[in-house]
Amino acid sequence: MKFRLVQLTNEIVVVTECGGVATISQPERSNEDDNRTAITDYFCLRITDLKNPTKDNVWDLLAEGKAQYNEWTHHKFNDIELIIDALKWLSPCEKHWELVRDLFTEIFPQS
């Protein structure tokens, strides 16, 4: 399955050709005891299920559905292990992945 990574400041968006979306971000520390190094948000809605998604409304539309998250304490937000985790969550049965640059570019413009 094809997938794309969109690098933002302190965040990576993982999007699959079937419309799955996850974000992996570097959290802001809430206090000195906060040992989180990354947070992954896994959106249950898929872009392909949304009505007229655009770059301006995609996050609001995805937020209307359910999401799950995972807090990490030993990985940075751009760690390959977290990207693989997101891909496995988005499509657990997929065995072959192909990194591309042209998925959903109208919603996630090239950065």
Protein backbone atom coordinates (compact mmCIF):
# COMPACT_ATOMS: atom_id res chain seq x y z
CA MET A 1 0.00 0.00 0.00
CA LYS A 2 1.20 3.49 -0.75
CA PHE A 3 1.74 5.98 2.05
CA ARG A 4 3.02 9.49 2.42
CA LEU A 5 4.79 11.37 5.19
CA VAL A 6 4.16 15.08 5.59
CA GLN A 7 6.81 16.76 7.74
CA LEU A 8 5.59 19.76 9.73
CA THR A 9 7.28 21.59 12.57
CA ASN A 10 7.57 19.05 15.40
CA GLU A 11 5.01 16.78 13.74
CA ILE A 12 4.71 14.14 11.04
CA VAL A 13 1.44 13.33 9.30
CA VAL A 14 1.19 9.73 8.09
CA VAL A 15 -1.43 9.22 5.37
CA THR A 16 -2.21 6.03 3.48
CA GLU A 17 -3.71 5.57 0.04
CA CYS A 18 -6.92 4.20 1.60
CA GLY A 19 -7.32 7.51 3.47
CA GLY A 20 -5.96 6.57 6.88
CA VAL A 21 -4.40 9.40 8.89
CA ALA A 22 -2.20 9.50 11.98
CA THR A 23 -0.12 12.30 13.41
CA ILE A 24 3.04 11.90 15.43
CA SER A 25 4.06 14.98 17.35
CA GLN A 26 6.52 16.24 19.90
CA PRO A 27 4.43 17.23 22.92
CA GLU A 28 4.80 20.41 24.88
CA ARG A 29 5.93 19.59 28.40
CA SER A 30 3.17 20.28 30.90
CA ASN A 31 5.50 20.09 33.91
CA GLU A 32 8.97 18.86 34.83
CA ASP A 33 7.64 15.36 35.57
CA ASP A 34 6.23 15.03 32.07
CA ASN A 35 8.48 12.46 30.41
CA ARG A 36 6.54 12.10 27.15
CA THR A 37 8.75 12.41 24.08
CA ALA A 38 6.09 11.86 21.41
CA ILE A 39 2.35 11.41 20.98
CA THR A 40 0.65 9.54 18.16
CA ASP A 41 -2.97 10.36 17.32
CA TYR A 42 -4.71 7.72 15.21
CA PHE A 43 -7.88 8.95 13.49
CA CYS A 44 -10.66 6.38 13.03
CA LEU A 45 -12.28 8.32 10.18
CA ARG A 46 -10.56 8.11 6.82
CA ILE A 47 -10.12 11.01 4.43
CA THR A 48 -11.97 8.95 1.84
CA ASP A 49 -15.03 8.87 4.16
CA LEU A 50 -15.13 12.66 4.64
CA LYS A 51 -17.48 14.95 2.72
CA ASN A 52 -15.47 17.50 0.72
CA PRO A 53 -12.25 17.57 2.77
CA THR A 54 -9.88 20.44 2.07
CA LYS A 55 -6.59 21.60 3.55
CA ASP A 56 -8.59 24.14 5.57
CA ASN A 57 -11.18 21.77 7.09
CA VAL A 58 -9.60 18.30 7.17
CA TRP A 59 -8.61 18.44 10.84
CA ASP A 60 -12.05 19.65 11.93
CA LEU A 61 -13.69 16.86 9.92
CA LEU A 62 -11.36 14.19 11.29
CA ALA A 63 -11.97 15.47 14.83
CA GLU A 64 -15.70 14.79 14.44
CA GLY A 65 -14.92 11.07 14.56
CA LYS A 66 -13.25 8.92 17.15
CA ALA A 67 -9.52 8.85 17.67
CA GLN A 68 -7.06 6.93 19.75
CA TYR A 69 -3.65 8.01 20.97
CA ASN A 70 -0.43 6.63 22.34
CA GLU A 71 2.07 8.52 24.49
CA TRP A 72 5.70 7.58 24.02
CA THR A 73 8.54 8.07 26.48
CA HIS A 74 11.53 6.60 24.68
CA HIS A 75 11.13 7.69 21.06
CA LYS A 76 11.31 11.03 19.27
CA PHE A 77 8.37 12.04 17.11
CA ASN A 78 10.29 11.36 13.90
CA ASP A 79 11.53 7.89 14.94
CA ILE A 80 10.98 5.24 12.26
CA GLU A 81 9.50 2.89 14.88
CA LEU A 82 6.66 5.35 15.49
CA ILE A 83 6.01 5.69 11.76
CA ILE A 84 5.84 1.90 11.44
CA ASP A 85 3.51 1.76 14.45
CA ALA A 86 1.18 4.30 12.80
CA LEU A 87 1.17 2.36 9.53
CA LYS A 88 0.36 -0.89 11.36
CA TRP A 89 -2.49 0.79 13.20
CA LEU A 90 -3.91 2.35 10.03
CA SER A 91 -3.78 -0.90 8.05
CA PRO A 92 -2.94 -3.86 10.29
CA CYS A 93 -3.07 -6.53 7.57
CA GLU A 94 -0.84 -4.72 5.09
CA LYS A 95 2.58 -6.28 4.56
CA HIS A 96 4.08 -4.12 1.79
CA TRP A 97 4.44 -0.36 1.98
CA GLU A 98 5.57 2.07 -0.70
CA LEU A 99 6.56 5.61 0.26
CA VAL A 100 5.26 8.15 -2.30
CA ARG A 101 4.94 11.92 -2.54
CA ASP A 102 1.66 12.29 -4.39
CA LEU A 103 -1.11 11.13 -2.02
CA PHE A 104 -3.77 13.66 -1.07
CA THR A 105 -1.60 16.62 -2.09
CA GLU A 106 -4.69 18.82 -2.41
CA ILE A 107 -5.36 18.29 1.31
CA PHE A 108 -1.75 18.08 2.49
CA PRO A 109 0.28 20.34 0.18
CA GLN A 110 3.97 19.62 -0.30
CA SER A 111 5.96 21.10 2.55
